C-alpha atoms as a PDB file:
ATOM      1  CA  MET A   1      23.036 -34.195   4.893  1.00  0.00           C
ATOM      2  CA  VAL A   2      23.392 -30.655   6.220  1.00  0.00           C
ATOM      3  CA  THR A   3      25.242 -29.685   9.351  1.00  0.00           C
ATOM      4  CA  GLY A   4      23.721 -26.718  11.165  1.00  0.00           C
ATOM      5  CA  LEU A   5      26.040 -26.882  14.162  1.00  0.00           C
ATOM      6  CA  THR A   6      29.604 -28.169  14.018  1.00  0.00           C
ATOM      7  CA  GLY A   7      29.543 -31.884  14.702  1.00  0.00           C
ATOM      8  CA  VAL A   8      25.731 -31.923  14.846  1.00  0.00           C
ATOM      9  CA  THR A   9      24.077 -33.388  11.754  1.00  0.00           C
ATOM     10  CA  ASP A  10      20.622 -32.376  10.544  1.00  0.00           C
ATOM     11  CA  VAL A  11      18.492 -35.413   9.729  1.00  0.00           C
ATOM     12  CA  THR A  12      15.175 -35.627   7.877  1.00  0.00           C
ATOM     13  CA  ASP A  13      12.289 -38.052   7.447  1.00  0.00           C
ATOM     14  CA  ALA A  14      14.090 -39.293   4.323  1.00  0.00           C
ATOM     15  CA  ASP A  15      17.434 -40.173   5.943  1.00  0.00           C
ATOM     16  CA  PHE A  16      16.365 -40.838   9.564  1.00  0.00           C
ATOM     17  CA  GLU A  17      16.516 -44.600   9.112  1.00  0.00           C
ATOM     18  CA  ALA A  18      20.015 -44.557   7.613  1.00  0.00           C
ATOM     19  CA  GLU A  19      21.490 -41.842   9.862  1.00  0.00           C
ATOM     20  CA  VAL A  20      19.870 -42.776  13.184  1.00  0.00           C
ATOM     21  CA  LEU A  21      18.360 -46.265  13.169  1.00  0.00           C
ATOM     22  CA  GLY A  22      21.266 -47.721  11.188  1.00  0.00           C
ATOM     23  CA  ALA A  23      24.046 -45.958  13.110  1.00  0.00           C
ATOM     24  CA  GLU A  24      26.732 -48.012  14.835  1.00  0.00           C
ATOM     25  CA  LEU A  25      27.066 -45.569  17.760  1.00  0.00           C
ATOM     26  CA  PRO A  26      24.232 -44.555  20.077  1.00  0.00           C
ATOM     27  CA  VAL A  27      22.519 -41.478  18.568  1.00  0.00           C
ATOM     28  CA  LEU A  28      21.173 -38.475  20.484  1.00  0.00           C
ATOM     29  CA  VAL A  29      18.376 -36.887  18.439  1.00  0.00           C
ATOM     30  CA  GLU A  30      17.178 -33.404  19.306  1.00  0.00           C
ATOM     31  CA  PHE A  31      13.667 -32.835  17.988  1.00  0.00           C
ATOM     32  CA  THR A  32      13.816 -29.089  17.457  1.00  0.00           C
ATOM     33  CA  ALA A  33      12.084 -26.126  15.804  1.00  0.00           C
ATOM     34  CA  ASP A  34      13.234 -22.707  14.586  1.00  0.00           C
ATOM     35  CA  TRP A  35      10.551 -20.973  16.681  1.00  0.00           C
ATOM     36  CA  CYS A  36      11.651 -22.644  19.929  1.00  0.00           C
ATOM     37  CA  PRO A  37      13.929 -20.473  22.159  1.00  0.00           C
ATOM     38  CA  PRO A  38      14.975 -23.373  24.471  1.00  0.00           C
ATOM     39  CA  CYS A  39      15.967 -25.320  21.347  1.00  0.00           C
ATOM     40  CA  ARG A  40      18.261 -22.468  20.307  1.00  0.00           C
ATOM     41  CA  GLN A  41      19.754 -22.398  23.827  1.00  0.00           C
ATOM     42  CA  MET A  42      20.710 -26.062  23.378  1.00  0.00           C
ATOM     43  CA  GLY A  43      22.802 -25.322  20.266  1.00  0.00           C
ATOM     44  CA  PRO A  44      26.119 -24.653  22.077  1.00  0.00           C
ATOM     45  CA  VAL A  45      25.472 -27.554  24.472  1.00  0.00           C
ATOM     46  CA  LEU A  46      24.922 -30.032  21.626  1.00  0.00           C
ATOM     47  CA  LYS A  47      27.924 -28.675  19.730  1.00  0.00           C
ATOM     48  CA  ALA A  48      30.153 -29.172  22.786  1.00  0.00           C
ATOM     49  CA  LEU A  49      28.697 -32.617  23.402  1.00  0.00           C
ATOM     50  CA  ALA A  50      29.335 -33.650  19.779  1.00  0.00           C
ATOM     51  CA  ALA A  51      32.919 -32.378  19.995  1.00  0.00           C
ATOM     52  CA  GLU A  52      33.667 -34.096  23.315  1.00  0.00           C
ATOM     53  CA  GLU A  53      31.777 -37.366  22.910  1.00  0.00           C
ATOM     54  CA  GLY A  54      31.854 -37.819  19.119  1.00  0.00           C
ATOM     55  CA  ASP A  55      33.710 -41.115  19.382  1.00  0.00           C
ATOM     56  CA  ARG A  56      30.997 -42.570  21.671  1.00  0.00           C
ATOM     57  CA  LEU A  57      27.837 -40.722  20.613  1.00  0.00           C
ATOM     58  CA  LYS A  58      26.430 -39.319  17.372  1.00  0.00           C
ATOM     59  CA  VAL A  59      24.474 -36.068  17.827  1.00  0.00           C
ATOM     60  CA  VAL A  60      21.773 -35.074  15.317  1.00  0.00           C
ATOM     61  CA  GLN A  61      18.895 -32.607  15.042  1.00  0.00           C
ATOM     62  CA  LEU A  62      15.510 -33.105  13.399  1.00  0.00           C
ATOM     63  CA  ASP A  63      13.339 -30.090  12.509  1.00  0.00           C
ATOM     64  CA  VAL A  64       9.831 -31.116  13.611  1.00  0.00           C
ATOM     65  CA  ASP A  65       8.071 -28.725  11.249  1.00  0.00           C
ATOM     66  CA  ALA A  66       9.892 -30.014   8.173  1.00  0.00           C
ATOM     67  CA  ASN A  67       9.763 -33.698   9.195  1.00  0.00           C
ATOM     68  CA  PRO A  68       6.298 -34.546  10.532  1.00  0.00           C
ATOM     69  CA  ALA A  69       6.459 -38.299   9.769  1.00  0.00           C
ATOM     70  CA  THR A  70       9.357 -38.996  12.142  1.00  0.00           C
ATOM     71  CA  THR A  71       8.044 -36.521  14.731  1.00  0.00           C
ATOM     72  CA  ASN A  72       4.636 -38.245  14.791  1.00  0.00           C
ATOM     73  CA  ALA A  73       6.115 -41.755  14.688  1.00  0.00           C
ATOM     74  CA  TYR A  74       7.868 -41.096  18.007  1.00  0.00           C
ATOM     75  CA  LYS A  75       4.937 -39.087  19.450  1.00  0.00           C
ATOM     76  CA  VAL A  76       7.027 -35.964  20.031  1.00  0.00           C
ATOM     77  CA  LEU A  77       4.821 -33.167  21.364  1.00  0.00           C
ATOM     78  CA  SER A  78       7.197 -30.752  23.117  1.00  0.00           C
ATOM     79  CA  MET A  79      10.379 -29.033  21.976  1.00  0.00           C
ATOM     80  CA  PRO A  80      13.122 -29.709  22.580  1.00  0.00           C
ATOM     81  CA  THR A  81      12.707 -33.457  23.026  1.00  0.00           C
ATOM     82  CA  PHE A  82      15.868 -35.541  23.164  1.00  0.00           C
ATOM     83  CA  MET A  83      15.797 -39.224  22.293  1.00  0.00           C
ATOM     84  CA  VAL A  84      18.654 -41.662  22.419  1.00  0.00           C
ATOM     85  CA  PHE A  85      18.561 -44.472  19.871  1.00  0.00           C
ATOM     86  CA  ARG A  86      20.704 -47.549  20.177  1.00  0.00           C
ATOM     87  CA  GLY A  87      20.536 -50.492  17.784  1.00  0.00           C
ATOM     88  CA  GLY A  88      17.650 -48.842  15.933  1.00  0.00           C
ATOM     89  CA  GLU A  89      15.469 -48.515  19.050  1.00  0.00           C
ATOM     90  CA  PRO A  90      14.693 -45.508  21.265  1.00  0.00           C
ATOM     91  CA  VAL A  91      16.183 -46.278  24.688  1.00  0.00           C
ATOM     92  CA  LYS A  92      15.723 -42.935  26.458  1.00  0.00           C
ATOM     93  CA  ALA A  93      13.659 -39.755  26.061  1.00  0.00           C
ATOM     94  CA  MET A  94      14.031 -36.399  27.813  1.00  0.00           C
ATOM     95  CA  VAL A  95      12.002 -33.207  27.350  1.00  0.00           C
ATOM     96  CA  GLY A  96      13.242 -29.657  27.847  1.00  0.00           C
ATOM     97  CA  ALA A  97      16.488 -27.718  27.737  1.00  0.00           C
ATOM     98  CA  ARG A  98      19.192 -28.635  30.240  1.00  0.00           C
ATOM     99  CA  ALA A  99      22.784 -27.822  31.106  1.00  0.00           C
ATOM    100  CA  LYS A 100      25.528 -29.893  29.481  1.00  0.00           C
ATOM    101  CA  ARG A 101      26.560 -31.413  32.815  1.00  0.00           C
ATOM    102  CA  LYS A 102      22.986 -32.593  33.476  1.00  0.00           C
ATOM    103  CA  LEU A 103      22.627 -33.916  29.926  1.00  0.00           C
ATOM    104  CA  LEU A 104      25.877 -35.880  30.269  1.00  0.00           C
ATOM    105  CA  GLU A 105      24.653 -37.359  33.565  1.00  0.00           C
ATOM    106  CA  GLU A 106      21.404 -38.442  31.914  1.00  0.00           C
ATOM    107  CA  LEU A 107      23.263 -39.964  28.949  1.00  0.00           C
ATOM    108  CA  ALA A 108      25.835 -41.858  31.047  1.00  0.00           C
ATOM    109  CA  ASP A 109      23.821 -45.081  31.146  1.00  0.00           C
ATOM    110  CA  VAL A 110      23.208 -45.210  27.378  1.00  0.00           C
ATOM    111  CA  MET A 111      26.665 -44.366  26.013  1.00  0.00           C
END
């Protein structure tokens, strides 16, 4: 398990089930890519979110290029895509970069 951003864990095809589907807290997954400028813009937002909401929400990133099995399993086509998993199931999906305030508003019903 590697942490690219403070409080934001990098997950892979290999540990997705354990880290995301098996998590006790709701998990926000950012499907991201190195070549994606909006994904990079989301870095500070996700870091702040992980720091502020870490007791209620786990925040992770999945590199779509390095982890095609998980990316394809959830039919992710655009970056960044955010999915919230709760109890091993995806309960919400959002596409595109957004401000932290907007992201928090969108997550309010799943945390």
